[in-house]
Amino acid sequence: TVGAYAFDNTKGVLSELQTVSALPADFKGKPSAAD
């Protein structure tokens, strides 16, 4: 999965906006994301 985050540059912290899959819709194997 890929997480999207807002960055508060005054506090230096992240807050989650969303998480989306990096897999094709029909994929049935074991996930192994890299870069």
PDB file of all heavy atoms in Angstrom:
ATOM      1  N   THR A   1       0.842  -1.190   0.000  1.00  0.00           N
ATOM      2  CA  THR A   1       0.000   0.000   0.000  1.00  0.00           C
ATOM      3  C   THR A   1       0.882   1.247   0.000  1.00  0.00           C
ATOM      4  O   THR A   1       2.052   1.191   0.379  1.00  0.00           O
ATOM      5  CB  THR A   1      -0.942   0.055   1.216  1.00  0.00           C
ATOM      6  OG1 THR A   1      -0.169   0.010   2.421  1.00  0.00           O
ATOM      7  CG2 THR A   1      -1.952  -1.084   1.185  1.00  0.00           C
ATOM      8  N   VAL A   2       0.275   2.350  -0.429  1.00  0.00           N
ATOM      9  CA  VAL A   2       0.937   3.647  -0.403  1.00  0.00           C
ATOM     10  C   VAL A   2       0.104   4.551   0.492  1.00  0.00           C
ATOM     11  O   VAL A   2      -1.101   4.705   0.284  1.00  0.00           O
ATOM     12  CB  VAL A   2       1.038   4.259  -1.820  1.00  0.00           C
ATOM     13  CG1 VAL A   2       1.617   5.672  -1.756  1.00  0.00           C
ATOM     14  CG2 VAL A   2       1.874   3.370  -2.731  1.00  0.00           C
ATOM     15  N   GLY A   3       0.752   5.138   1.482  1.00  0.00           N
ATOM     16  CA  GLY A   3       0.082   6.082   2.366  1.00  0.00           C
ATOM     17  C   GLY A   3       0.394   7.509   1.947  1.00  0.00           C
ATOM     18  O   GLY A   3       1.548   7.832   1.669  1.00  0.00           O
ATOM     19  N   ALA A   4      -0.633   8.345   1.870  1.00  0.00           N
ATOM     20  CA  ALA A   4      -0.460   9.773   1.599  1.00  0.00           C
ATOM     21  C   ALA A   4      -0.618  10.511   2.924  1.00  0.00           C
ATOM     22  O   ALA A   4      -1.549  10.225   3.699  1.00  0.00           O
ATOM     23  CB  ALA A   4      -1.496  10.262   0.593  1.00  0.00           C
ATOM     24  N   TYR A   5       0.294  11.462   3.188  1.00  0.00           N
ATOM     25  CA  TYR A   5       0.306  12.179   4.457  1.00  0.00           C
ATOM     26  C   TYR A   5       0.446  13.683   4.220  1.00  0.00           C
ATOM     27  O   TYR A   5       1.183  14.107   3.330  1.00  0.00           O
ATOM     28  CB  TYR A   5       1.490  11.730   5.326  1.00  0.00           C
ATOM     29  CG  TYR A   5       1.390  10.295   5.759  1.00  0.00           C
ATOM     30  CD1 TYR A   5       1.812   9.275   4.917  1.00  0.00           C
ATOM     31  CD2 TYR A   5       0.869   9.961   6.994  1.00  0.00           C
ATOM     32  CE1 TYR A   5       1.714   7.947   5.303  1.00  0.00           C
ATOM     33  CE2 TYR A   5       0.768   8.637   7.393  1.00  0.00           C
ATOM     34  CZ  TYR A   5       1.188   7.630   6.540  1.00  0.00           C
ATOM     35  OH  TYR A   5       1.080   6.327   6.927  1.00  0.00           O
ATOM     36  N   ALA A   6      -0.220  14.455   5.051  1.00  0.00           N
ATOM     37  CA  ALA A   6       0.011  15.902   5.092  1.00  0.00           C
ATOM     38  C   ALA A   6       1.202  16.125   6.005  1.00  0.00           C
ATOM     39  O   ALA A   6       1.360  15.433   7.023  1.00  0.00           O
ATOM     40  CB  ALA A   6      -1.220  16.619   5.624  1.00  0.00           C
ATOM     41  N   PHE A   7       2.049  17.095   5.650  1.00  0.00           N
ATOM     42  CA  PHE A   7       3.226  17.416   6.453  1.00  0.00           C
ATOM     43  C   PHE A   7       3.056  18.793   7.069  1.00  0.00           C
ATOM     44  O   PHE A   7       2.869  19.781   6.362  1.00  0.00           O
ATOM     45  CB  PHE A   7       4.483  17.375   5.585  1.00  0.00           C
ATOM     46  CG  PHE A   7       5.725  17.839   6.283  1.00  0.00           C
ATOM     47  CD1 PHE A   7       6.128  17.269   7.484  1.00  0.00           C
ATOM     48  CD2 PHE A   7       6.498  18.853   5.753  1.00  0.00           C
ATOM     49  CE1 PHE A   7       7.277  17.701   8.143  1.00  0.00           C
ATOM     50  CE2 PHE A   7       7.651  19.288   6.386  1.00  0.00           C
ATOM     51  CZ  PHE A   7       8.039  18.712   7.588  1.00  0.00           C
ATOM     52  N   ASP A   8       3.096  18.854   8.403  1.00  0.00           N
ATOM     53  CA  ASP A   8       3.047  20.117   9.131  1.00  0.00           C
ATOM     54  C   ASP A   8       4.493  20.556   9.343  1.00  0.00           C
ATOM     55  O   ASP A   8       5.187  20.021  10.213  1.00  0.00           O
ATOM     56  CB  ASP A   8       2.333  19.909  10.471  1.00  0.00           C
ATOM     57  CG  ASP A   8       2.217  21.188  11.286  1.00  0.00           C
ATOM     58  OD1 ASP A   8       3.078  22.097  11.138  1.00  0.00           O
ATOM     59  OD2 ASP A   8       1.279  21.272  12.104  1.00  0.00           O
ATOM     60  N   ASN A   9       4.954  21.527   8.547  1.00  0.00           N
ATOM     61  CA  ASN A   9       6.366  21.902   8.620  1.00  0.00           C
ATOM     62  C   ASN A   9       6.699  22.771   9.836  1.00  0.00           C
ATOM     63  O   ASN A   9       7.866  22.998  10.116  1.00  0.00           O
ATOM     64  CB  ASN A   9       6.846  22.543   7.323  1.00  0.00           C
ATOM     65  CG  ASN A   9       6.183  23.866   7.028  1.00  0.00           C
ATOM     66  OD1 ASN A   9       5.400  24.367   7.825  1.00  0.00           O
ATOM     67  ND2 ASN A   9       6.483  24.419   5.875  1.00  0.00           N
ATOM     68  N   THR A  10       5.711  23.261  10.560  1.00  0.00           N
ATOM     69  CA  THR A  10       6.021  23.996  11.789  1.00  0.00           C
ATOM     70  C   THR A  10       6.261  23.038  12.953  1.00  0.00           C
ATOM     71  O   THR A  10       7.120  23.283  13.788  1.00  0.00           O
ATOM     72  CB  THR A  10       4.903  25.001  12.152  1.00  0.00           C
ATOM     73  OG1 THR A  10       3.677  24.301  12.302  1.00  0.00           O
ATOM     74  CG2 THR A  10       4.770  26.062  11.086  1.00  0.00           C
ATOM     75  N   LYS A  11       5.511  21.944  12.997  1.00  0.00           N
ATOM     76  CA  LYS A  11       5.679  20.955  14.064  1.00  0.00           C
ATOM     77  C   LYS A  11       6.579  19.788  13.643  1.00  0.00           C
ATOM     78  O   LYS A  11       7.051  19.027  14.493  1.00  0.00           O
ATOM     79  CB  LYS A  11       4.318  20.414  14.505  1.00  0.00           C
ATOM     80  CG  LYS A  11       3.423  21.474  15.132  1.00  0.00           C
ATOM     81  CD  LYS A  11       2.094  20.880  15.516  1.00  0.00           C
ATOM     82  CE  LYS A  11       1.188  21.941  16.113  1.00  0.00           C
ATOM     83  NZ  LYS A  11      -0.151  21.420  16.408  1.00  0.00           N
ATOM     84  N   GLY A  12       6.750  19.607  12.316  1.00  0.00           N
ATOM     85  CA  GLY A  12       7.571  18.505  11.827  1.00  0.00           C
ATOM     86  C   GLY A  12       6.917  17.152  11.985  1.00  0.00           C
ATOM     87  O   GLY A  12       7.593  16.162  12.273  1.00  0.00           O
ATOM     88  N   VAL A  13       5.593  17.094  11.775  1.00  0.00           N
ATOM     89  CA  VAL A  13       4.876  15.832  11.940  1.00  0.00           C
ATOM     90  C   VAL A  13       3.992  15.551  10.728  1.00  0.00           C
ATOM     91  O   VAL A  13       3.632  16.451   9.966  1.00  0.00           O
ATOM     92  CB  VAL A  13       4.020  15.819  13.231  1.00  0.00           C
ATOM     93  CG1 VAL A  13       4.902  15.896  14.464  1.00  0.00           C
ATOM     94  CG2 VAL A  13       2.996  16.928  13.217  1.00  0.00           C
ATOM     95  N   LEU A  14       3.629  14.277  10.599  1.00  0.00           N
ATOM     96  CA  LEU A  14       2.774  13.814   9.510  1.00  0.00           C
ATOM     97  C   LEU A  14       1.386  13.501  10.042  1.00  0.00           C
ATOM     98  O   LEU A  14       1.230  13.101  11.197  1.00  0.00           O
ATOM     99  CB  LEU A  14       3.357  12.541   8.883  1.00  0.00           C
ATOM    100  CG  LEU A  14       4.756  12.631   8.306  1.00  0.00           C
ATOM    101  CD1 LEU A  14       5.230  11.240   7.877  1.00  0.00           C
ATOM    102  CD2 LEU A  14       4.795  13.600   7.131  1.00  0.00           C
ATOM    103  N   SER A  15       0.375  13.649   9.169  1.00  0.00           N
ATOM    104  CA  SER A  15      -0.972  13.171   9.487  1.00  0.00           C
ATOM    105  C   SER A  15      -1.516  12.480   8.241  1.00  0.00           C
ATOM    106  O   SER A  15      -1.413  13.005   7.132  1.00  0.00           O
ATOM    107  CB  SER A  15      -1.887  14.313   9.940  1.00  0.00           C
ATOM    108  OG  SER A  15      -1.948  15.327   8.965  1.00  0.00           O
ATOM    109  N   GLU A  16      -2.078  11.306   8.451  1.00  0.00           N
ATOM    110  CA  GLU A  16      -2.512  10.464   7.336  1.00  0.00           C
ATOM    111  C   GLU A  16      -3.704  11.068   6.601  1.00  0.00           C
ATOM    112  O   GLU A  16      -4.666  11.531   7.223  1.00  0.00           O
ATOM    113  CB  GLU A  16      -2.862   9.064   7.835  1.00  0.00           C
ATOM    114  CG  GLU A  16      -3.157   8.098   6.707  1.00  0.00           C
ATOM    115  CD  GLU A  16      -3.360   6.669   7.169  1.00  0.00           C
ATOM    116  OE1 GLU A  16      -3.308   6.412   8.387  1.00  0.00           O
ATOM    117  OE2 GLU A  16      -3.584   5.813   6.302  1.00  0.00           O
ATOM    118  N   LEU A  17      -3.620  11.044   5.276  1.00  0.00           N
ATOM    119  CA  LEU A  17      -4.713  11.496   4.415  1.00  0.00           C
ATOM    120  C   LEU A  17      -5.460  10.325   3.803  1.00  0.00           C
ATOM    121  O   LEU A  17      -6.677  10.352   3.672  1.00  0.00           O
ATOM    122  CB  LEU A  17      -4.152  12.353   3.267  1.00  0.00           C
ATOM    123  CG  LEU A  17      -3.435  13.643   3.635  1.00  0.00           C
ATOM    124  CD1 LEU A  17      -2.749  14.240   2.418  1.00  0.00           C
ATOM    125  CD2 LEU A  17      -4.428  14.626   4.241  1.00  0.00           C
ATOM    126  N   GLN A  18      -4.705   9.289   3.400  1.00  0.00           N
ATOM    127  CA  GLN A  18      -5.308   8.213   2.626  1.00  0.00           C
ATOM    128  C   GLN A  18      -4.309   7.071   2.489  1.00  0.00           C
ATOM    129  O   GLN A  18      -3.099   7.284   2.572  1.00  0.00           O
ATOM    130  CB  GLN A  18      -5.719   8.790   1.261  1.00  0.00           C
ATOM    131  CG  GLN A  18      -5.486   7.967   0.057  1.00  0.00           C
ATOM    132  CD  GLN A  18      -5.647   8.728  -1.239  1.00  0.00           C
ATOM    133  OE1 GLN A  18      -4.893   9.638  -1.515  1.00  0.00           O
ATOM    134  NE2 GLN A  18      -6.586   8.328  -2.059  1.00  0.00           N
ATOM    135  N   THR A  19      -4.821   5.862   2.250  1.00  0.00           N
ATOM    136  CA  THR A  19      -3.999   4.703   1.908  1.00  0.00           C
ATOM    137  C   THR A  19      -4.612   4.038   0.686  1.00  0.00           C
ATOM    138  O   THR A  19      -5.829   3.817   0.646  1.00  0.00           O
ATOM    139  CB  THR A  19      -3.926   3.696   3.076  1.00  0.00           C
ATOM    140  OG1 THR A  19      -3.343   4.348   4.207  1.00  0.00           O
ATOM    141  CG2 THR A  19      -3.072   2.499   2.708  1.00  0.00           C
ATOM    142  N   VAL A  20      -3.771   3.755  -0.322  1.00  0.00           N
ATOM    143  CA  VAL A  20      -4.242   3.121  -1.553  1.00  0.00           C
ATOM    144  C   VAL A  20      -3.371   1.910  -1.863  1.00  0.00           C
ATOM    145  O   VAL A  20      -2.222   1.829  -1.437  1.00  0.00           O
ATOM    146  CB  VAL A  20      -4.214   4.102  -2.754  1.00  0.00           C
ATOM    147  CG1 VAL A  20      -5.203   5.230  -2.555  1.00  0.00           C
ATOM    148  CG2 VAL A  20      -2.815   4.644  -2.980  1.00  0.00           C
ATOM    149  N   SER A  21      -3.912   0.978  -2.612  1.00  0.00           N
ATOM    150  CA  SER A  21      -3.182  -0.231  -2.987  1.00  0.00           C
ATOM    151  C   SER A  21      -2.268   0.033  -4.180  1.00  0.00           C
ATOM    152  O   SER A  21      -2.589   0.834  -5.051  1.00  0.00           O
ATOM    153  CB  SER A  21      -4.159  -1.353  -3.348  1.00  0.00           C
ATOM    154  OG  SER A  21      -3.441  -2.506  -3.760  1.00  0.00           O
ATOM    155  N   ALA A  22      -1.122  -0.667  -4.190  1.00  0.00           N
ATOM    156  CA  ALA A  22      -0.217  -0.624  -5.334  1.00  0.00           C
ATOM    157  C   ALA A  22      -0.346  -1.888  -6.180  1.00  0.00           C
ATOM    158  O   ALA A  22       0.394  -2.076  -7.135  1.00  0.00           O
ATOM    159  CB  ALA A  22       1.229  -0.474  -4.859  1.00  0.00           C
ATOM    160  N   LEU A  23      -1.287  -2.749  -5.842  1.00  0.00           N
ATOM    161  CA  LEU A  23      -1.456  -4.032  -6.533  1.00  0.00           C
ATOM    162  C   LEU A  23      -2.473  -3.935  -7.664  1.00  0.00           C
ATOM    163  O   LEU A  23      -3.469  -3.224  -7.542  1.00  0.00           O
ATOM    164  CB  LEU A  23      -1.925  -5.100  -5.552  1.00  0.00           C
ATOM    165  CG  LEU A  23      -0.926  -5.500  -4.471  1.00  0.00           C
ATOM    166  CD1 LEU A  23      -1.619  -6.322  -3.396  1.00  0.00           C
ATOM    167  CD2 LEU A  23       0.230  -6.269  -5.085  1.00  0.00           C
ATOM    168  N   PRO A  24      -2.252  -4.674  -8.748  1.00  0.00           N
ATOM    169  CA  PRO A  24      -3.297  -4.786  -9.771  1.00  0.00           C
ATOM    170  C   PRO A  24      -4.543  -5.415  -9.153  1.00  0.00           C
ATOM    171  O   PRO A  24      -4.440  -6.245  -8.232  1.00  0.00           O
ATOM    172  CB  PRO A  24      -2.676  -5.714 -10.823  1.00  0.00           C
ATOM    173  CG  PRO A  24      -1.200  -5.667 -10.575  1.00  0.00           C
ATOM    174  CD  PRO A  24      -1.047  -5.416  -9.101  1.00  0.00           C
ATOM    175  N   ALA A  25      -5.711  -5.044  -9.631  1.00  0.00           N
ATOM    176  CA  ALA A  25      -6.977  -5.517  -9.051  1.00  0.00           C
ATOM    177  C   ALA A  25      -7.105  -7.034  -9.042  1.00  0.00           C
ATOM    178  O   ALA A  25      -7.688  -7.606  -8.126  1.00  0.00           O
ATOM    179  CB  ALA A  25      -8.149  -4.896  -9.811  1.00  0.00           C
ATOM    180  N   ASP A  26      -6.525  -7.705 -10.030  1.00  0.00           N
ATOM    181  CA  ASP A  26      -6.676  -9.159 -10.146  1.00  0.00           C
ATOM    182  C   ASP A  26      -5.514  -9.943  -9.521  1.00  0.00           C
ATOM    183  O   ASP A  26      -5.444 -11.161  -9.645  1.00  0.00           O
ATOM    184  CB  ASP A  26      -6.837  -9.559 -11.607  1.00  0.00           C
ATOM    185  CG  ASP A  26      -5.648  -9.138 -12.473  1.00  0.00           C
ATOM    186  OD1 ASP A  26      -4.772  -8.395 -11.988  1.00  0.00           O
ATOM    187  OD2 ASP A  26      -5.602  -9.567 -13.642  1.00  0.00           O
ATOM    188  N   PHE A  27      -4.618  -9.279  -8.799  1.00  0.00           N
ATOM    189  CA  PHE A  27      -3.444  -9.958  -8.250  1.00  0.00           C
ATOM    190  C   PHE A  27      -3.829 -10.837  -7.064  1.00  0.00           C
ATOM    191  O   PHE A  27      -4.543 -10.413  -6.169  1.00  0.00           O
ATOM    192  CB  PHE A  27      -2.404  -8.922  -7.809  1.00  0.00           C
ATOM    193  CG  PHE A  27      -1.157  -9.537  -7.232  1.00  0.00           C
ATOM    194  CD1 PHE A  27      -0.256 -10.204  -8.046  1.00  0.00           C
ATOM    195  CD2 PHE A  27      -0.900  -9.466  -5.872  1.00  0.00           C
ATOM    196  CE1 PHE A  27       0.891 -10.781  -7.510  1.00  0.00           C
ATOM    197  CE2 PHE A  27       0.240 -10.029  -5.330  1.00  0.00           C
ATOM    198  CZ  PHE A  27       1.143 -10.694  -6.152  1.00  0.00           C
ATOM    199  N   LYS A  28      -3.324 -12.087  -7.049  1.00  0.00           N
ATOM    200  CA  LYS A  28      -3.670 -13.042  -5.997  1.00  0.00           C
ATOM    201  C   LYS A  28      -2.463 -13.516  -5.190  1.00  0.00           C
ATOM    202  O   LYS A  28      -2.612 -14.295  -4.268  1.00  0.00           O
ATOM    203  CB  LYS A  28      -4.348 -14.279  -6.611  1.00  0.00           C
ATOM    204  CG  LYS A  28      -5.579 -13.974  -7.426  1.00  0.00           C
ATOM    205  CD  LYS A  28      -6.746 -13.631  -6.553  1.00  0.00           C
ATOM    206  CE  LYS A  28      -8.005 -13.559  -7.384  1.00  0.00           C
ATOM    207  NZ  LYS A  28      -8.736 -12.337  -7.232  1.00  0.00           N
ATOM    208  N   GLY A  29      -1.259 -13.087  -5.521  1.00  0.00           N
ATOM    209  CA  GLY A  29      -0.054 -13.584  -4.857  1.00  0.00           C
ATOM    210  C   GLY A  29       0.288 -12.838  -3.584  1.00  0.00           C
ATOM    211  O   GLY A  29      -0.525 -12.110  -3.012  1.00  0.00           O
ATOM    212  N   LYS A  30       1.542 -13.008  -3.147  1.00  0.00           N
ATOM    213  CA  LYS A  30       2.036 -12.361  -1.938  1.00  0.00           C
ATOM    214  C   LYS A  30       2.609 -10.996  -2.305  1.00  0.00           C
ATOM    215  O   LYS A  30       3.512 -10.897  -3.129  1.00  0.00           O
ATOM    216  CB  LYS A  30       3.122 -13.221  -1.297  1.00  0.00           C
ATOM    217  CG  LYS A  30       3.680 -12.627  -0.030  1.00  0.00           C
ATOM    218  CD  LYS A  30       4.761 -13.505   0.562  1.00  0.00           C
ATOM    219  CE  LYS A  30       5.359 -12.816   1.788  1.00  0.00           C
ATOM    220  NZ  LYS A  30       6.493 -13.560   2.320  1.00  0.00           N
ATOM    221  N   PRO A  31       2.123  -9.909  -1.678  1.00  0.00           N
ATOM    222  CA  PRO A  31       2.638  -8.572  -1.974  1.00  0.00           C
ATOM    223  C   PRO A  31       4.095  -8.415  -1.532  1.00  0.00           C
ATOM    224  O   PRO A  31       4.519  -9.029  -0.551  1.00  0.00           O
ATOM    225  CB  PRO A  31       1.735  -7.644  -1.155  1.00  0.00           C
ATOM    226  CG  PRO A  31       0.562  -8.454  -0.762  1.00  0.00           C
ATOM    227  CD  PRO A  31       1.024  -9.871  -0.714  1.00  0.00           C
ATOM    228  N   SER A  32       4.815  -7.576  -2.260  1.00  0.00           N
ATOM    229  CA  SER A  32       6.211  -7.286  -1.908  1.00  0.00           C
ATOM    230  C   SER A  32       6.617  -5.979  -2.590  1.00  0.00           C
ATOM    231  O   SER A  32       7.357  -5.975  -3.569  1.00  0.00           O
ATOM    232  CB  SER A  32       7.123  -8.431  -2.353  1.00  0.00           C
ATOM    233  OG  SER A  32       8.450  -8.170  -1.960  1.00  0.00           O
ATOM    234  N   ALA A  33       6.139  -4.870  -2.062  1.00  0.00           N
ATOM    235  CA  ALA A  33       6.426  -3.566  -2.657  1.00  0.00           C
ATOM    236  C   ALA A  33       7.856  -3.147  -2.330  1.00  0.00           C
ATOM    237  O   ALA A  33       8.444  -3.616  -1.355  1.00  0.00           O
ATOM    238  CB  ALA A  33       5.436  -2.531  -2.154  1.00  0.00           C
ATOM    239  N   ALA A  34       8.428  -2.252  -3.153  1.00  0.00           N
ATOM    240  CA  ALA A  34       9.836  -1.926  -2.971  1.00  0.00           C
ATOM    241  C   ALA A  34      10.129  -0.428  -2.921  1.00  0.00           C
ATOM    242  O   ALA A  34      10.591   0.078  -1.916  1.00  0.00           O
ATOM    243  CB  ALA A  34      10.676  -2.594  -4.056  1.00  0.00           C
ATOM    244  N   ASP A  35       9.897   0.299  -3.986  1.00  0.00           N
ATOM    245  CA  ASP A  35      10.412   1.664  -4.106  1.00  0.00           C
ATOM    246  C   ASP A  35       9.279   2.626  -4.451  1.00  0.00           C
ATOM    247  O   ASP A  35       8.211   2.205  -4.915  1.00  0.00           O
ATOM    248  CB  ASP A  35      11.498   1.691  -5.189  1.00  0.00           C
ATOM    249  CG  ASP A  35      12.487   2.826  -5.030  1.00  0.00           C
ATOM    250  OD1 ASP A  35      12.364   3.629  -4.091  1.00  0.00           O
ATOM    251  OD2 ASP A  35      13.401   2.914  -5.869  1.00  0.00           O
TER     252      ASP A  35
END
